[in-house]
Amino acid sequence: MAFTASTGYSETTIFLDNFQNGTVGSPQIGMNALLGSGYVHQIVDESGNLKLQSSDMVNDASFAIYNRPTYAPLSSITTYDFRIISPSVINTSLVGQNAFWQELILNNASGDNLFLYWGADQKLRLNVSVNGKDLGANLVDLNYSWTYGTDYHVEWAVNGVADTYSLTVNGMKLIDDVVFGDNIFELYAFSYGTNYSTIGTQVMDNITIKDTAAVPEPAAMLLLGLGLAGLAAAKRRMRT
């Protein structure tokens, strides 16, 4: 009789920055994972809680990026807390365009990316790029509306074995194990930024990147151990 161990997942946090040290570029876990700030990003104090704010009101391509150690193949979870601050005047001419974006760079050499766009019309959309080819000429509307001043918890789950990805926003799974379209070998970086300077600002906090590894579940390990013990006993009986 053969025993097959089913698997669960263990998570190891390799990067965490809640910005409480007030320094951009000094993660508290994972010294190989650094934050590079593009254009105007600054640490701000919101009621005693330090956060990183994108506040560039001149350049509309402002971004910050988190690089991380790479592994192949990769399974990982990237989570972050996020808020868009309502501008004093909302530019209605930008409705349908993108106000802010977050990006998972899955393979920088191949141009594999996942983009999450927070539209100026307060809709959430997905864009996918595989091998440098934009697959989202028509952005996928996730049928999810966001509001200014609300806190959002976003989770990207990437399975480098099955080459699938999932997306969850505030506990609602919007994408569930969708095939990416290419081999996922690494999470090169997580980045975010502003698309239009007339929208306002955004704040980010509690950026966490976790590695997930498949591990046998305890019950399955017990069955596997019993099975191996039984095989060993059977072999001993055959020899006597």
Protein backbone atom coordinates (compact mmCIF):
# COMPACT_ATOMS: atom_id res chain seq x y z
CA MET A 1 0.00 0.00 0.00
CA ALA A 2 1.39 3.41 -0.91
CA PHE A 3 0.87 6.50 1.21
CA THR A 4 0.91 9.96 -0.33
CA ALA A 5 1.43 12.94 1.96
CA SER A 6 -0.94 15.81 1.26
CA THR A 7 0.55 19.25 1.60
CA GLY A 8 -0.15 22.45 3.47
CA TYR A 9 1.79 25.70 3.33
CA SER A 10 4.23 27.36 5.67
CA GLU A 11 4.81 31.10 5.50
CA THR A 12 8.05 32.89 6.24
CA THR A 13 8.10 36.68 6.35
CA ILE A 14 11.15 37.87 4.49
CA PHE A 15 10.29 41.56 4.32
CA LEU A 16 8.31 43.85 6.57
CA ASP A 17 8.25 47.61 6.81
CA ASN A 18 5.68 49.56 8.81
CA PHE A 19 7.84 52.72 8.54
CA GLN A 20 7.87 53.22 12.30
CA ASN A 21 11.61 53.79 12.14
CA GLY A 22 10.83 56.81 9.99
CA THR A 23 13.48 55.87 7.43
CA VAL A 24 12.76 55.01 3.83
CA GLY A 25 14.97 52.10 2.84
CA SER A 26 15.44 50.31 6.16
CA PRO A 27 13.22 47.25 6.34
CA GLN A 28 12.94 45.62 9.72
CA ILE A 29 13.15 42.08 8.31
CA GLY A 30 15.23 41.03 5.31
CA MET A 31 18.13 43.39 4.84
CA ASN A 32 18.43 42.31 1.19
CA ALA A 33 14.99 43.77 0.46
CA LEU A 34 15.31 47.51 0.02
CA LEU A 35 12.90 50.32 -0.74
CA GLY A 36 13.84 52.74 -3.46
CA SER A 37 11.83 55.95 -3.63
CA GLY A 38 11.13 57.60 -6.95
CA TYR A 39 10.42 61.33 -7.07
CA VAL A 40 8.46 62.63 -4.07
CA HIS A 41 7.69 60.03 -1.41
CA GLN A 42 7.95 60.87 2.24
CA ILE A 43 7.25 59.50 5.69
CA VAL A 44 4.14 61.15 7.15
CA ASP A 45 2.62 61.00 10.62
CA GLU A 46 -1.06 60.11 10.73
CA SER A 47 -2.23 60.41 14.32
CA GLY A 48 1.02 58.99 15.62
CA ASN A 49 1.23 56.27 12.97
CA LEU A 50 4.03 56.69 10.45
CA LYS A 51 3.26 55.84 6.82
CA LEU A 52 4.83 56.30 3.43
CA GLN A 53 3.04 58.88 1.31
CA SER A 54 3.18 59.46 -2.42
CA SER A 55 2.78 63.21 -2.61
CA ASP A 56 4.18 64.19 -5.98
CA MET A 57 1.92 66.87 -7.42
CA VAL A 58 4.20 67.65 -10.37
CA ASN A 59 5.42 64.43 -11.95
CA ASP A 60 2.67 61.96 -12.79
CA ALA A 61 5.03 58.96 -12.91
CA SER A 62 6.03 58.98 -9.26
CA PHE A 63 6.63 55.53 -7.79
CA ALA A 64 8.29 53.61 -5.00
CA ILE A 65 9.61 50.09 -5.40
CA TYR A 66 10.42 47.19 -3.07
CA ASN A 67 13.04 44.77 -4.35
CA ARG A 68 13.38 41.37 -2.76
CA PRO A 69 15.61 38.29 -2.87
CA THR A 70 14.62 35.96 -5.69
CA TYR A 71 13.89 32.27 -5.63
CA ALA A 72 12.88 29.90 -8.40
CA PRO A 73 10.26 28.69 -8.72
CA LEU A 74 8.50 31.09 -6.41
CA SER A 75 5.36 30.90 -4.33
CA SER A 76 4.74 34.06 -2.35
CA ILE A 77 2.18 36.30 -0.74
CA THR A 78 2.49 40.08 -0.91
CA THR A 79 0.22 42.12 1.35
CA TYR A 80 -0.07 45.82 1.99
CA ASP A 81 -2.39 48.37 3.56
CA PHE A 82 -3.35 51.26 1.37
CA ARG A 83 -5.47 54.41 1.34
CA ILE A 84 -6.21 57.07 -1.26
CA ILE A 85 -6.67 60.52 0.25
CA SER A 86 -9.47 62.46 -1.36
CA PRO A 87 -8.24 65.52 -3.29
CA SER A 88 -9.83 68.87 -2.59
CA VAL A 89 -11.10 68.98 -6.17
CA ILE A 90 -11.81 65.82 -8.15
CA ASN A 91 -10.94 66.22 -11.81
CA THR A 92 -13.96 64.65 -13.54
CA SER A 93 -12.15 64.75 -16.90
CA LEU A 94 -10.03 61.82 -15.67
CA VAL A 95 -13.00 59.49 -15.13
CA GLY A 96 -12.16 56.15 -16.66
CA GLN A 97 -8.43 56.73 -16.42
CA ASN A 98 -6.07 55.46 -13.73
CA ALA A 99 -5.39 57.41 -10.58
CA PHE A 100 -2.96 55.05 -8.86
CA TRP A 101 -1.44 51.67 -9.51
CA GLN A 102 0.27 48.78 -7.76
CA GLU A 103 2.46 46.31 -9.62
CA LEU A 104 3.98 42.90 -9.05
CA ILE A 105 7.04 42.41 -11.24
CA LEU A 106 7.20 38.63 -11.50
CA ASN A 107 10.10 38.36 -13.91
CA ASN A 108 11.92 41.55 -14.74
CA ALA A 109 14.02 40.03 -17.54
CA SER A 110 10.97 38.68 -19.37
CA GLY A 111 8.69 41.63 -18.70
CA ASP A 112 6.14 39.65 -16.69
CA ASN A 113 3.97 41.95 -14.60
CA LEU A 114 0.65 42.14 -12.81
CA PHE A 115 -0.89 45.61 -12.51
CA LEU A 116 -3.72 46.74 -10.27
CA TYR A 117 -5.22 50.06 -11.33
CA TRP A 118 -7.35 52.21 -9.03
CA GLY A 119 -9.37 54.20 -11.55
CA ALA A 120 -10.27 57.86 -11.27
CA ASP A 121 -13.86 56.67 -11.61
CA GLN A 122 -13.27 54.69 -8.37
CA LYS A 123 -13.30 51.34 -10.17
CA LEU A 124 -10.66 48.65 -9.72
CA ARG A 125 -9.08 47.10 -12.81
CA LEU A 126 -6.47 44.46 -13.62
CA ASN A 127 -3.83 44.46 -16.31
CA VAL A 128 -1.44 41.62 -17.16
CA SER A 129 1.83 41.75 -19.10
CA VAL A 130 3.53 38.51 -20.19
CA ASN A 131 6.89 38.49 -21.99
CA GLY A 132 6.66 42.25 -22.33
CA LYS A 133 3.37 42.01 -24.23
CA ASP A 134 0.49 43.93 -22.72
CA LEU A 135 -2.43 41.53 -22.45
CA GLY A 136 -4.74 44.16 -21.02
CA ALA A 137 -5.39 46.47 -23.91
CA ASN A 138 -8.91 46.25 -22.58
CA LEU A 139 -8.45 46.33 -18.82
CA VAL A 140 -10.29 43.67 -16.85
CA ASP A 141 -12.92 45.40 -14.72
CA LEU A 142 -12.97 43.64 -11.35
CA ASN A 143 -16.45 44.91 -10.51
CA TYR A 144 -15.19 46.44 -7.29
CA SER A 145 -15.69 50.08 -6.30
CA TRP A 146 -13.29 51.85 -3.95
CA THR A 147 -13.88 55.05 -2.00
CA TYR A 148 -11.61 57.86 -0.92
CA GLY A 149 -10.30 57.79 2.64
CA THR A 150 -11.02 54.08 3.14
CA ASP A 151 -8.32 51.67 4.32
CA TYR A 152 -7.72 48.72 2.00
CA HIS A 153 -5.86 45.50 2.68
CA VAL A 154 -4.63 43.98 -0.56
CA GLU A 155 -3.18 40.49 -0.95
CA TRP A 156 -1.47 39.04 -4.00
CA ALA A 157 -0.85 35.29 -3.88
CA VAL A 158 1.47 33.86 -6.51
CA ASN A 159 1.97 30.14 -7.07
CA GLY A 160 5.23 29.59 -8.92
CA VAL A 161 4.62 25.85 -9.26
CA ALA A 162 1.21 26.06 -10.93
CA ASP A 163 2.00 29.51 -12.43
CA THR A 164 -1.23 31.00 -11.11
CA TYR A 165 -2.11 34.13 -9.18
CA SER A 166 -4.93 35.28 -6.88
CA LEU A 167 -6.03 38.70 -5.70
CA THR A 168 -7.95 39.56 -2.54
CA VAL A 169 -9.06 43.06 -1.49
CA ASN A 170 -10.49 43.61 2.00
CA GLY A 171 -11.29 39.94 2.34
CA MET A 172 -13.04 39.69 -1.04
CA LYS A 173 -11.32 37.32 -3.49
CA LEU A 174 -11.48 39.00 -6.88
CA ILE A 175 -9.09 36.69 -8.75
CA ASP A 176 -8.80 33.03 -7.76
CA ASP A 177 -5.95 30.87 -9.10
CA VAL A 178 -5.93 32.27 -12.62
CA VAL A 179 -3.23 30.91 -14.93
CA PHE A 180 -0.66 33.63 -15.53
CA GLY A 181 0.39 32.67 -19.04
CA ASP A 182 4.12 32.21 -18.46
CA ASN A 183 6.44 30.45 -16.03
CA ILE A 184 6.66 32.39 -12.79
CA PHE A 185 10.26 32.16 -11.61
CA GLU A 186 10.60 35.07 -9.23
CA LEU A 187 9.00 38.07 -7.58
CA TYR A 188 11.45 40.71 -8.68
CA ALA A 189 9.74 43.65 -7.02
CA PHE A 190 6.55 45.24 -5.76
CA SER A 191 6.01 48.85 -6.78
CA TYR A 192 3.29 51.48 -6.61
CA GLY A 193 2.80 55.05 -7.67
CA THR A 194 0.62 57.83 -9.01
CA ASN A 195 -0.56 58.18 -12.57
CA TYR A 196 -2.16 61.61 -12.39
CA SER A 197 -0.96 64.46 -10.21
CA THR A 198 -4.41 66.07 -10.13
CA ILE A 199 -6.01 63.21 -8.20
CA GLY A 200 -4.39 63.68 -4.80
CA THR A 201 -2.09 61.53 -2.70
CA GLN A 202 -1.91 57.99 -1.40
CA VAL A 203 -0.42 56.46 1.72
CA MET A 204 0.99 52.96 2.11
CA ASP A 205 1.72 51.03 5.29
CA ASN A 206 2.59 47.56 6.56
CA ILE A 207 4.20 46.23 3.40
CA THR A 208 4.82 42.51 3.89
CA ILE A 209 6.28 39.94 1.52
CA LYS A 210 6.08 36.28 2.51
CA ASP A 211 7.49 33.14 1.01
CA THR A 212 5.11 30.20 0.99
CA ALA A 213 6.46 26.68 0.83
CA ALA A 214 4.53 23.44 0.46
CA VAL A 215 4.99 21.23 3.51
CA PRO A 216 3.40 17.87 4.43
CA GLU A 217 0.53 18.17 6.88
CA PRO A 218 1.12 16.49 10.28
CA ALA A 219 -1.62 13.90 9.79
CA ALA A 220 -0.25 12.98 6.40
CA MET A 221 3.25 12.73 7.85
CA LEU A 222 1.94 10.36 10.52
CA LEU A 223 0.30 8.16 7.89
CA LEU A 224 3.44 8.25 5.81
CA GLY A 225 5.52 7.26 8.84
CA LEU A 226 3.19 4.40 9.69
CA GLY A 227 3.29 3.23 6.10
CA LEU A 228 7.08 3.22 6.01
CA ALA A 229 7.21 1.40 9.33
CA GLY A 230 4.80 -1.20 7.98
CA LEU A 231 6.92 -1.71 4.87
CA ALA A 232 10.04 -2.14 7.00
CA ALA A 233 8.29 -4.74 9.18
CA ALA A 234 7.07 -6.60 6.12
CA LYS A 235 10.58 -6.76 4.71
CA ARG A 236 11.89 -8.13 8.02
CA ARG A 237 9.23 -10.84 8.00
CA MET A 238 10.14 -11.80 4.44
CA ARG A 239 13.78 -12.23 5.40
CA THR A 240 12.96 -14.51 8.42
